C-alpha atoms as a PDB file:
ATOM      1  CA  UNK A   1       0.000   0.000   0.000  1.00  0.00           C
ATOM      2  CA  UNK A   2       2.816   2.414   0.834  1.00  0.00           C
ATOM      3  CA  UNK A   3       4.565   1.745  -2.476  1.00  0.00           C
ATOM      4  CA  UNK A   4       1.333   2.363  -4.398  1.00  0.00           C
ATOM      5  CA  UNK A   5       0.733   5.600  -2.495  1.00  0.00           C
ATOM      6  CA  UNK A   6       4.316   6.742  -3.208  1.00  0.00           C
ATOM      7  CA  UNK A   7       3.910   5.884  -6.893  1.00  0.00           C
ATOM      8  CA  UNK A   8       0.648   7.853  -7.103  1.00  0.00           C
ATOM      9  CA  UNK A   9       1.960  10.825  -5.121  1.00  0.00           C
ATOM     10  CA  UNK A  10       5.057  11.189  -7.304  1.00  0.00           C
ATOM     11  CA  UNK A  11       3.297  10.231 -10.555  1.00  0.00           C
ATOM     12  CA  UNK A  12       5.908   7.613 -11.375  1.00  0.00           C
ATOM     13  CA  UNK A  13       5.528   6.138 -14.886  1.00  0.00           C
ATOM     14  CA  UNK A  14       7.047   2.794 -13.845  1.00  0.00           C
ATOM     15  CA  UNK A  15       6.151  -0.016 -11.498  1.00  0.00           C
ATOM     16  CA  UNK A  16       7.381  -0.275  -7.945  1.00  0.00           C
ATOM     17  CA  UNK A  17       8.287  -3.441  -6.136  1.00  0.00           C
ATOM     18  CA  UNK A  18       9.030  -3.591  -2.435  1.00  0.00           C
ATOM     19  CA  UNK A  19      10.136  -6.769  -0.707  1.00  0.00           C
ATOM     20  CA  UNK A  20       9.081  -7.291   2.877  1.00  0.00           C
ATOM     21  CA  UNK A  21      11.787  -7.463   5.516  1.00  0.00           C
ATOM     22  CA  UNK A  22      15.291  -6.054   5.504  1.00  0.00           C
ATOM     23  CA  UNK A  23      16.756  -8.112   2.688  1.00  0.00           C
ATOM     24  CA  UNK A  24      15.478 -10.031  -0.272  1.00  0.00           C
ATOM     25  CA  UNK A  25      16.406 -11.693  -3.493  1.00  0.00           C
ATOM     26  CA  UNK A  26      15.693  -8.687  -5.745  1.00  0.00           C
ATOM     27  CA  UNK A  27      17.274  -6.237  -3.326  1.00  0.00           C
ATOM     28  CA  UNK A  28      20.422  -8.348  -3.231  1.00  0.00           C
ATOM     29  CA  UNK A  29      20.464  -9.135  -6.948  1.00  0.00           C
ATOM     30  CA  UNK A  30      20.308  -5.481  -7.969  1.00  0.00           C
ATOM     31  CA  UNK A  31      22.419  -4.189  -5.055  1.00  0.00           C
ATOM     32  CA  UNK A  32      19.726  -1.866  -3.767  1.00  0.00           C
ATOM     33  CA  UNK A  33      21.037  -0.086  -0.692  1.00  0.00           C
ATOM     34  CA  UNK A  34      18.654   2.884  -0.516  1.00  0.00           C
ATOM     35  CA  UNK A  35      15.179   3.812  -1.610  1.00  0.00           C
ATOM     36  CA  UNK A  36      14.022   4.812  -4.071  1.00  0.00           C
ATOM     37  CA  UNK A  37      16.360   3.084  -6.505  1.00  0.00           C
ATOM     38  CA  UNK A  38      15.612   2.682 -10.197  1.00  0.00           C
ATOM     39  CA  UNK A  39      17.284  -0.190 -12.055  1.00  0.00           C
ATOM     40  CA  UNK A  40      17.222  -0.128 -15.860  1.00  0.00           C
ATOM     41  CA  UNK A  41      17.656  -3.541 -17.479  1.00  0.00           C
ATOM     42  CA  UNK A  42      18.188  -4.511 -21.085  1.00  0.00           C
ATOM     43  CA  UNK A  43      16.317  -7.351 -22.780  1.00  0.00           C
ATOM     44  CA  UNK A  44      18.749  -9.933 -21.427  1.00  0.00           C
ATOM     45  CA  UNK A  45      18.433  -8.781 -17.819  1.00  0.00           C
ATOM     46  CA  UNK A  46      21.790  -6.986 -17.763  1.00  0.00           C
ATOM     47  CA  UNK A  47      21.813  -3.864 -15.597  1.00  0.00           C
ATOM     48  CA  UNK A  48      22.333  -0.767 -17.736  1.00  0.00           C
ATOM     49  CA  UNK A  49      21.905   1.789 -14.972  1.00  0.00           C
ATOM     50  CA  UNK A  50      21.148   2.003 -11.274  1.00  0.00           C
ATOM     51  CA  UNK A  51      20.395   5.239  -9.470  1.00  0.00           C
ATOM     52  CA  UNK A  52      17.815   7.625  -8.090  1.00  0.00           C
ATOM     53  CA  UNK A  53      14.704   8.036 -10.254  1.00  0.00           C
ATOM     54  CA  UNK A  54      15.102  11.822 -10.185  1.00  0.00           C
ATOM     55  CA  UNK A  55      18.440  11.642 -12.015  1.00  0.00           C
ATOM     56  CA  UNK A  56      16.588  11.906 -15.321  1.00  0.00           C
ATOM     57  CA  UNK A  57      19.472  13.444 -17.284  1.00  0.00           C
ATOM     58  CA  UNK A  58      21.810  10.520 -16.594  1.00  0.00           C
ATOM     59  CA  UNK A  59      19.053   7.972 -17.175  1.00  0.00           C
ATOM     60  CA  UNK A  60      18.170   9.529 -20.542  1.00  0.00           C
ATOM     61  CA  UNK A  61      21.841   9.484 -21.528  1.00  0.00           C
ATOM     62  CA  UNK A  62      22.082   5.758 -20.763  1.00  0.00           C
ATOM     63  CA  UNK A  63      18.878   5.030 -22.711  1.00  0.00           C
ATOM     64  CA  UNK A  64      20.154   6.966 -25.746  1.00  0.00           C
ATOM     65  CA  UNK A  65      23.446   5.031 -25.625  1.00  0.00           C
ATOM     66  CA  UNK A  66      21.589   1.711 -25.438  1.00  0.00           C
ATOM     67  CA  UNK A  67      19.595   2.448 -28.590  1.00  0.00           C
ATOM     68  CA  UNK A  68      22.427   3.693 -30.806  1.00  0.00           C
END
C-alpha cells in the first residue's frame, strides 16, 4: 500500500516493487542499498543503470546510448 501511495503521489511512470523485511532476493540481486532506486535492465536482464529516479538526465543518456 505504501509503495502504491508513493507511486501515485510522485506520478511515477514505472512499477514499484518492495520486498518485505530487511533483505530479499531482488534487493540483493540489484544491489539496492537505498530507496528509491531505479534499475534499468536490457532485454537480457543486464543492468544498464542504477540510481535515483530523479536523475533523469543521466538515465536519458544511458537510454540513448543503449539504442544507438
